[in-house]
């Protein structure tokens, strides 16, 4: 994927050199895969800025919450800033549908959360941060 399309990817995970990972982020990157703890560390140190993040995928959300990562996940979601759920979600959804008719490019961040089970904490996160959770 990354060699033929010039998409720069990288991983930020604990147990590896943060200096190497921060340099990779400073050089510019399109896709970041990371663990909640290291992502938060990179956000706190301003190695990773999420204001241009268009897609956020949370995989194994139930497992991350079972392992105690709920505060880190919420911190990452909060760091995304102004593209979180609107107070008037119905109006925002209507506007999004109209925008999509004009352009195939979404105007809002796309957040997807995958979970094998749906414990109360996962459900709470989905209701708080996702638009139209299924």
Protein backbone atom coordinates (compact mmCIF):
# COMPACT_ATOMS: atom_id res chain seq x y z
CA UNK A 1 0.00 0.00 0.00
CA UNK A 2 2.49 2.65 1.09
CA UNK A 3 5.21 2.05 -1.49
CA UNK A 4 3.01 2.28 -4.55
CA UNK A 5 0.71 5.10 -3.45
CA UNK A 6 3.11 7.23 -1.43
CA UNK A 7 0.99 6.84 1.70
CA UNK A 8 3.20 7.15 4.76
CA UNK A 9 2.23 4.85 7.63
CA UNK A 10 3.66 4.19 11.05
CA UNK A 11 3.06 2.67 14.45
CA UNK A 12 3.30 4.36 17.83
CA UNK A 13 3.40 1.74 20.58
CA UNK A 14 4.89 1.41 24.02
CA UNK A 15 8.03 -0.63 24.44
CA UNK A 16 9.62 1.06 21.43
CA UNK A 17 11.74 4.20 21.24
CA UNK A 18 9.57 7.30 21.52
CA UNK A 19 12.38 9.32 19.92
CA UNK A 20 12.19 7.20 16.77
CA UNK A 21 8.40 7.37 16.75
CA UNK A 22 8.33 11.14 17.32
CA UNK A 23 10.76 11.66 14.44
CA UNK A 24 8.52 9.57 12.19
CA UNK A 25 5.53 11.74 13.18
CA UNK A 26 7.48 14.99 12.64
CA UNK A 27 8.41 13.82 9.14
CA UNK A 28 4.69 13.63 8.29
CA UNK A 29 2.46 10.61 8.19
CA UNK A 30 -0.92 9.74 6.70
CA UNK A 31 -1.91 6.67 8.74
CA UNK A 32 -1.01 6.13 12.39
CA UNK A 33 -1.68 2.86 14.20
CA UNK A 34 -1.12 2.99 17.93
CA UNK A 35 -1.85 1.86 21.43
CA UNK A 36 -3.93 4.17 23.65
CA UNK A 37 -1.13 4.89 26.10
CA UNK A 38 1.50 5.80 23.51
CA UNK A 39 -0.98 7.80 21.42
CA UNK A 40 -1.80 9.88 24.51
CA UNK A 41 1.88 10.33 25.26
CA UNK A 42 2.47 11.58 21.71
CA UNK A 43 -0.51 13.94 21.98
CA UNK A 44 0.65 15.32 25.34
CA UNK A 45 4.16 15.94 23.99
CA UNK A 46 2.69 17.53 20.81
CA UNK A 47 4.34 14.92 18.58
CA UNK A 48 0.85 14.06 17.31
CA UNK A 49 -1.75 16.72 16.55
CA UNK A 50 -5.18 15.48 15.54
CA UNK A 51 -6.76 18.64 14.12
CA UNK A 52 -6.49 17.25 10.57
CA UNK A 53 -7.57 13.72 11.46
CA UNK A 54 -10.27 12.58 9.01
CA UNK A 55 -10.73 8.99 10.15
CA UNK A 56 -10.49 7.35 13.55
CA UNK A 57 -10.85 3.59 13.95
CA UNK A 58 -11.16 2.01 17.38
CA UNK A 59 -10.77 -1.74 17.03
CA UNK A 60 -11.35 -4.18 19.88
CA UNK A 61 -12.98 -1.41 21.94
CA UNK A 62 -14.40 -3.89 24.46
CA UNK A 63 -10.99 -5.46 25.03
CA UNK A 64 -9.29 -2.09 25.47
CA UNK A 65 -11.91 -1.09 28.03
CA UNK A 66 -11.59 -4.47 29.82
CA UNK A 67 -7.86 -3.76 30.09
CA UNK A 68 -8.51 -0.37 31.72
CA UNK A 69 -7.87 1.92 28.76
CA UNK A 70 -11.22 3.80 28.85
CA UNK A 71 -9.64 7.05 30.20
CA UNK A 72 -6.95 6.97 27.50
CA UNK A 73 -9.53 6.33 24.77
CA UNK A 74 -11.64 9.25 25.98
CA UNK A 75 -8.57 11.46 26.12
CA UNK A 76 -7.76 10.64 22.48
CA UNK A 77 -11.35 11.30 21.41
CA UNK A 78 -11.36 14.59 23.32
CA UNK A 79 -8.07 15.61 21.64
CA UNK A 80 -9.83 15.50 18.28
CA UNK A 81 -11.60 18.70 19.24
CA UNK A 82 -14.39 20.42 17.37
CA UNK A 83 -15.48 17.55 15.14
CA UNK A 84 -17.20 15.70 17.96
CA UNK A 85 -20.95 15.14 18.14
CA UNK A 86 -23.19 18.13 17.71
CA UNK A 87 -25.74 19.13 20.33
CA UNK A 88 -28.32 19.14 17.51
CA UNK A 89 -27.37 15.84 15.92
CA UNK A 90 -30.46 15.59 13.69
CA UNK A 91 -29.66 18.92 12.04
CA UNK A 92 -26.00 17.97 11.68
CA UNK A 93 -26.98 14.69 10.02
CA UNK A 94 -29.27 16.49 7.55
CA UNK A 95 -26.50 18.95 6.68
CA UNK A 96 -24.04 16.09 6.23
CA UNK A 97 -26.42 14.35 3.81
CA UNK A 98 -26.81 17.57 1.79
CA UNK A 99 -23.04 18.06 1.71
CA UNK A 100 -22.53 14.51 0.45
CA UNK A 101 -24.90 15.19 -2.47
CA UNK A 102 -22.61 18.05 -3.53
CA UNK A 103 -19.34 16.19 -2.98
CA UNK A 104 -18.27 12.60 -2.35
CA UNK A 105 -15.90 13.81 0.36
CA UNK A 106 -17.23 13.80 3.92
CA UNK A 107 -17.04 17.15 5.70
CA UNK A 108 -16.90 15.53 9.15
CA UNK A 109 -14.48 13.12 10.72
CA UNK A 110 -15.49 9.49 10.35
CA UNK A 111 -15.19 7.54 13.59
CA UNK A 112 -15.72 3.78 13.60
CA UNK A 113 -15.66 1.62 16.70
CA UNK A 114 -15.54 -2.16 16.51
CA UNK A 115 -16.37 -4.40 19.44
CA UNK A 116 -17.20 -8.10 19.72
CA UNK A 117 -19.40 -7.37 22.75
CA UNK A 118 -21.32 -4.31 23.88
CA UNK A 119 -20.77 -3.78 27.60
CA UNK A 120 -22.22 -0.65 29.20
CA UNK A 121 -18.92 1.25 28.99
CA UNK A 122 -18.59 0.62 25.23
CA UNK A 123 -22.22 1.66 24.75
CA UNK A 124 -21.59 4.85 26.72
CA UNK A 125 -18.55 5.72 24.59
CA UNK A 126 -20.52 5.05 21.41
CA UNK A 127 -23.39 7.30 22.49
CA UNK A 128 -21.05 10.06 23.62
CA UNK A 129 -18.64 10.15 20.67
CA UNK A 130 -20.11 8.42 17.61
CA UNK A 131 -22.56 9.85 15.12
CA UNK A 132 -25.40 7.41 14.48
CA UNK A 133 -23.93 4.36 16.26
CA UNK A 134 -25.35 1.09 14.95
